[in-house]
């Protein structure tokens, strides 16, 4: 597995196009892999997300094969600066142990399957969670199955309406609803950026979450969980 970061120049025409459509960004990410490069394996799959920190705008890609970032840099990057930073992700993954603590970030598609009945026929559709409380609960409901717990928190004490920058174990920094075309279809995707601090409960489950993603919308900038040391 590899982790790659590509800095984007939001003022370039190509960047505006890619940032304006998750489908276009998905196509650009997949085209960065040369023919024959594995994009889905038992060890992981291609995951990506956009990180906005101050004036910086970065594309992160986790992948079983190493991408060729020059293809995206030519369209939307900083041609005069470093093309990207790419590292072998495996040493970090294998170093994860039980009860370690990390700062985490996850951009996910918090959604659930809703059943409806009409004339005796039951149908199911995917519906996004859009309120703060339900988005938080969606995340907390998945922590155990993904090998971690949010430090110092239980679902009963998570603030439902935490103010930006407030001291709480789980923070949602960004919420976004994107609408884009996929072929002849119109797709609406809701995303939320989760941040906080976690402790590892099952290293193998957490490694799978880091390499295979969490939730839906993995091809469209959702599902990528990343960890950083606790400072």
Protein backbone atom coordinates (compact mmCIF):
# COMPACT_ATOMS: atom_id res chain seq x y z
CA UNK A 1 0.00 0.00 0.00
CA UNK A 2 1.06 3.57 -0.73
CA UNK A 3 -0.04 6.96 0.59
CA UNK A 4 0.34 9.87 -1.81
CA UNK A 5 -0.28 13.59 -1.34
CA UNK A 6 -0.67 15.95 -4.29
CA UNK A 7 -0.94 19.71 -3.70
CA UNK A 8 -3.59 21.32 -5.89
CA UNK A 9 -3.70 24.86 -7.26
CA UNK A 10 -7.33 25.85 -6.86
CA UNK A 11 -6.93 28.74 -9.33
CA UNK A 12 -6.05 26.55 -12.30
CA UNK A 13 -8.79 25.74 -14.77
CA UNK A 14 -8.14 22.02 -14.43
CA UNK A 15 -8.40 22.17 -10.65
CA UNK A 16 -11.68 24.06 -10.86
CA UNK A 17 -13.06 21.35 -13.13
CA UNK A 18 -11.91 18.48 -10.92
CA UNK A 19 -13.02 20.10 -7.67
CA UNK A 20 -16.41 20.85 -9.19
CA UNK A 21 -17.21 17.20 -9.90
CA UNK A 22 -16.46 14.17 -7.78
CA UNK A 23 -16.96 12.03 -10.86
CA UNK A 24 -14.27 14.00 -12.73
CA UNK A 25 -11.88 13.75 -9.77
CA UNK A 26 -12.52 10.01 -9.54
CA UNK A 27 -11.63 9.66 -13.22
CA UNK A 28 -8.46 11.72 -12.75
CA UNK A 29 -7.37 9.63 -9.76
CA UNK A 30 -7.91 6.35 -11.58
CA UNK A 31 -6.10 7.63 -14.69
CA UNK A 32 -3.01 8.27 -12.55
CA UNK A 33 -2.38 4.53 -12.41
CA UNK A 34 -0.51 3.07 -15.35
CA UNK A 35 -2.02 0.03 -17.13
CA UNK A 36 -1.57 -3.10 -15.07
CA UNK A 37 -1.22 -1.28 -11.75
CA UNK A 38 -3.51 -2.97 -9.18
CA UNK A 39 -6.28 -0.73 -7.88
CA UNK A 40 -8.23 -3.32 -5.85
CA UNK A 41 -6.56 -6.22 -4.01
CA UNK A 42 -7.05 -8.25 -0.84
CA UNK A 43 -4.66 -5.82 0.84
CA UNK A 44 -6.64 -2.69 -0.05
CA UNK A 45 -8.26 -0.52 -2.70
CA UNK A 46 -7.90 2.99 -4.11
CA UNK A 47 -9.26 5.60 -1.70
CA UNK A 48 -8.97 9.36 -2.01
CA UNK A 49 -10.13 12.59 -0.41
CA UNK A 50 -9.58 16.35 -0.56
CA UNK A 51 -8.11 18.05 2.52
CA UNK A 52 -8.48 21.80 3.02
CA UNK A 53 -6.19 23.30 5.66
CA UNK A 54 -5.99 27.09 5.57
CA UNK A 55 -4.97 28.06 2.05
CA UNK A 56 -3.62 24.58 1.29
CA UNK A 57 -5.58 22.14 -0.82
CA UNK A 58 -4.30 18.57 -0.99
CA UNK A 59 -5.43 15.39 -2.69
CA UNK A 60 -4.66 12.28 -0.64
CA UNK A 61 -4.61 8.86 -2.31
CA UNK A 62 -4.25 5.50 -0.55
CA UNK A 63 -3.67 2.69 -3.03
CA UNK A 64 -2.25 -0.83 -3.39
CA UNK A 65 -0.10 0.38 -6.32
CA UNK A 66 1.94 3.55 -6.68
CA UNK A 67 0.17 6.24 -8.77
CA UNK A 68 1.81 8.54 -11.32
CA UNK A 69 0.98 11.97 -9.81
CA UNK A 70 2.32 13.88 -12.81
CA UNK A 71 -0.96 13.29 -14.65
CA UNK A 72 -2.95 15.20 -12.02
CA UNK A 73 -0.22 17.78 -11.44
CA UNK A 74 -0.31 18.71 -15.14
CA UNK A 75 -4.04 19.39 -14.87
CA UNK A 76 -4.44 20.90 -11.44
CA UNK A 77 -1.18 21.03 -9.51
CA UNK A 78 1.65 23.46 -8.91
CA UNK A 79 3.91 22.95 -11.90
CA UNK A 80 6.77 24.90 -10.26
CA UNK A 81 6.67 23.03 -6.96
CA UNK A 82 7.10 19.44 -5.79
CA UNK A 83 4.78 17.14 -7.68
CA UNK A 84 3.85 15.01 -4.69
CA UNK A 85 4.98 13.12 -1.64
CA UNK A 86 4.47 9.34 -1.88
CA UNK A 87 5.45 6.81 0.75
CA UNK A 88 5.24 3.10 1.40
CA UNK A 89 2.28 2.77 3.77
CA UNK A 90 3.09 -0.77 4.94
CA UNK A 91 5.64 0.03 7.69
CA UNK A 92 3.13 2.29 9.42
CA UNK A 93 0.29 -0.22 9.03
CA UNK A 94 2.29 -3.06 10.53
CA UNK A 95 3.42 -0.87 13.46
CA UNK A 96 -0.14 -0.35 14.77
CA UNK A 97 -0.70 -2.05 18.13
CA UNK A 98 -3.55 -2.38 20.60
CA UNK A 99 -4.20 0.62 22.90
CA UNK A 100 -2.16 3.04 20.78
CA UNK A 101 -3.70 6.49 20.50
CA UNK A 102 -3.87 8.59 17.35
CA UNK A 103 -5.45 11.75 16.03
CA UNK A 104 -7.73 10.78 13.15
CA UNK A 105 -9.52 12.32 10.18
CA UNK A 106 -12.21 10.67 8.07
CA UNK A 107 -14.33 12.08 5.26
CA UNK A 108 -17.33 9.77 5.00
CA UNK A 109 -20.79 9.44 3.50
CA UNK A 110 -23.07 8.97 6.55
CA UNK A 111 -26.06 7.17 5.08
CA UNK A 112 -28.51 4.42 5.95
CA UNK A 113 -30.85 2.06 4.15
CA UNK A 114 -34.49 3.14 4.46
CA UNK A 115 -37.32 0.66 3.86
CA UNK A 116 -40.65 1.88 2.47
CA UNK A 117 -43.85 0.02 1.69
CA UNK A 118 -46.29 0.78 -1.12
CA UNK A 119 -49.18 -1.46 -2.20
CA UNK A 120 -47.67 -4.34 -0.28
CA UNK A 121 -44.30 -3.98 -1.98
CA UNK A 122 -41.29 -3.20 0.22
CA UNK A 123 -38.48 -1.20 -1.34
CA UNK A 124 -35.21 0.05 0.07
CA UNK A 125 -33.23 3.15 -0.77
CA UNK A 126 -30.09 4.80 0.54
CA UNK A 127 -30.77 8.02 2.47
CA UNK A 128 -28.10 10.35 3.83
CA UNK A 129 -27.96 11.54 7.42
CA UNK A 130 -27.84 15.35 7.36
CA UNK A 131 -28.24 16.46 10.98
CA UNK A 132 -25.37 16.77 13.44
CA UNK A 133 -26.69 14.21 15.92
CA UNK A 134 -27.41 11.49 13.36
CA UNK A 135 -24.08 12.01 11.59
CA UNK A 136 -22.23 11.65 14.88
CA UNK A 137 -24.20 8.55 15.83
CA UNK A 138 -23.54 7.01 12.41
CA UNK A 139 -19.81 7.32 13.09
CA UNK A 140 -19.94 6.03 16.68
CA UNK A 141 -22.00 3.02 15.63
CA UNK A 142 -19.10 1.92 13.39
CA UNK A 143 -16.09 2.40 15.64
CA UNK A 144 -16.04 -1.05 17.26
CA UNK A 145 -16.40 -2.90 13.94
CA UNK A 146 -13.51 -0.84 12.54
CA UNK A 147 -11.12 -1.60 15.38
CA UNK A 148 -11.07 1.59 17.47
CA UNK A 149 -12.88 3.72 20.02
CA UNK A 150 -13.13 7.48 20.35
CA UNK A 151 -11.03 8.49 23.35
CA UNK A 152 -12.95 9.67 26.39
CA UNK A 153 -16.40 9.44 24.84
CA UNK A 154 -19.49 7.31 24.71
CA UNK A 155 -22.52 7.93 22.49
CA UNK A 156 -24.44 9.30 25.48
CA UNK A 157 -22.02 12.16 26.18
CA UNK A 158 -21.14 13.27 22.65
CA UNK A 159 -22.39 16.86 22.27
CA UNK A 160 -25.13 17.07 19.67
CA UNK A 161 -24.37 20.68 18.77
CA UNK A 162 -20.65 21.21 19.41
CA UNK A 163 -19.38 24.65 18.50
CA UNK A 164 -16.48 24.96 16.08
CA UNK A 165 -13.24 24.50 18.02
CA UNK A 166 -15.02 23.40 21.19
CA UNK A 167 -13.31 20.79 23.36
CA UNK A 168 -15.04 17.53 22.49
CA UNK A 169 -13.95 14.04 21.53
CA UNK A 170 -15.54 14.01 18.09
CA UNK A 171 -15.71 17.05 15.83
CA UNK A 172 -17.33 17.42 12.42
CA UNK A 173 -15.35 20.12 10.60
CA UNK A 174 -17.04 20.11 7.22
CA UNK A 175 -20.36 19.08 5.77
CA UNK A 176 -21.00 19.08 2.05
CA UNK A 177 -23.65 17.95 -0.41
CA UNK A 178 -22.28 17.37 -3.91
CA UNK A 179 -24.35 16.91 -7.04
CA UNK A 180 -22.67 15.53 -10.17
CA UNK A 181 -23.35 13.56 -13.32
CA UNK A 182 -22.37 9.91 -13.72
CA UNK A 183 -23.19 8.97 -17.26
CA UNK A 184 -26.89 9.69 -17.68
CA UNK A 185 -27.52 9.64 -13.95
CA UNK A 186 -27.59 12.51 -11.48
CA UNK A 187 -25.85 11.66 -8.21
CA UNK A 188 -26.28 13.48 -4.89
CA UNK A 189 -23.63 12.68 -2.27
CA UNK A 190 -23.55 13.97 1.31
CA UNK A 191 -20.21 13.95 3.11
CA UNK A 192 -18.93 14.89 6.56
CA UNK A 193 -15.34 15.30 7.79
CA UNK A 194 -14.83 13.68 11.19
CA UNK A 195 -11.87 14.53 13.41
CA UNK A 196 -10.87 13.47 16.90
CA UNK A 197 -8.72 11.13 18.90
CA UNK A 198 -8.98 7.35 18.97
CA UNK A 199 -7.51 4.36 20.74
CA UNK A 200 -6.84 1.09 18.93
CA UNK A 201 -8.99 -1.83 20.10
CA UNK A 202 -8.26 -4.30 17.27
CA UNK A 203 -5.18 -3.61 15.09
CA UNK A 204 -6.25 -5.98 12.30
CA UNK A 205 -9.70 -4.42 11.96
CA UNK A 206 -8.20 -0.93 12.01
CA UNK A 207 -5.67 -1.85 9.32
CA UNK A 208 -8.53 -3.10 7.15
CA UNK A 209 -10.41 0.17 7.72
CA UNK A 210 -7.34 2.20 6.70
CA UNK A 211 -6.85 0.24 3.47
CA UNK A 212 -10.41 -0.63 2.43
CA UNK A 213 -12.28 2.43 3.68
CA UNK A 214 -15.34 3.10 5.83
CA UNK A 215 -18.89 3.57 4.59
CA UNK A 216 -20.22 4.29 1.11
CA UNK A 217 -19.04 6.60 -1.66
CA UNK A 218 -15.48 5.26 -1.65
CA UNK A 219 -14.99 5.99 -5.33
CA UNK A 220 -16.04 9.60 -4.84
CA UNK A 221 -13.80 10.97 -2.10
CA UNK A 222 -15.32 9.25 0.93
CA UNK A 223 -14.12 6.48 3.23
CA UNK A 224 -10.43 7.36 3.65
CA UNK A 225 -9.41 7.27 7.32
CA UNK A 226 -5.98 8.64 8.21
CA UNK A 227 -4.07 8.69 11.50
CA UNK A 228 -1.42 10.99 12.95
CA UNK A 229 0.63 10.82 16.16
CA UNK A 230 -0.82 12.49 19.24
CA UNK A 231 1.25 15.63 19.83
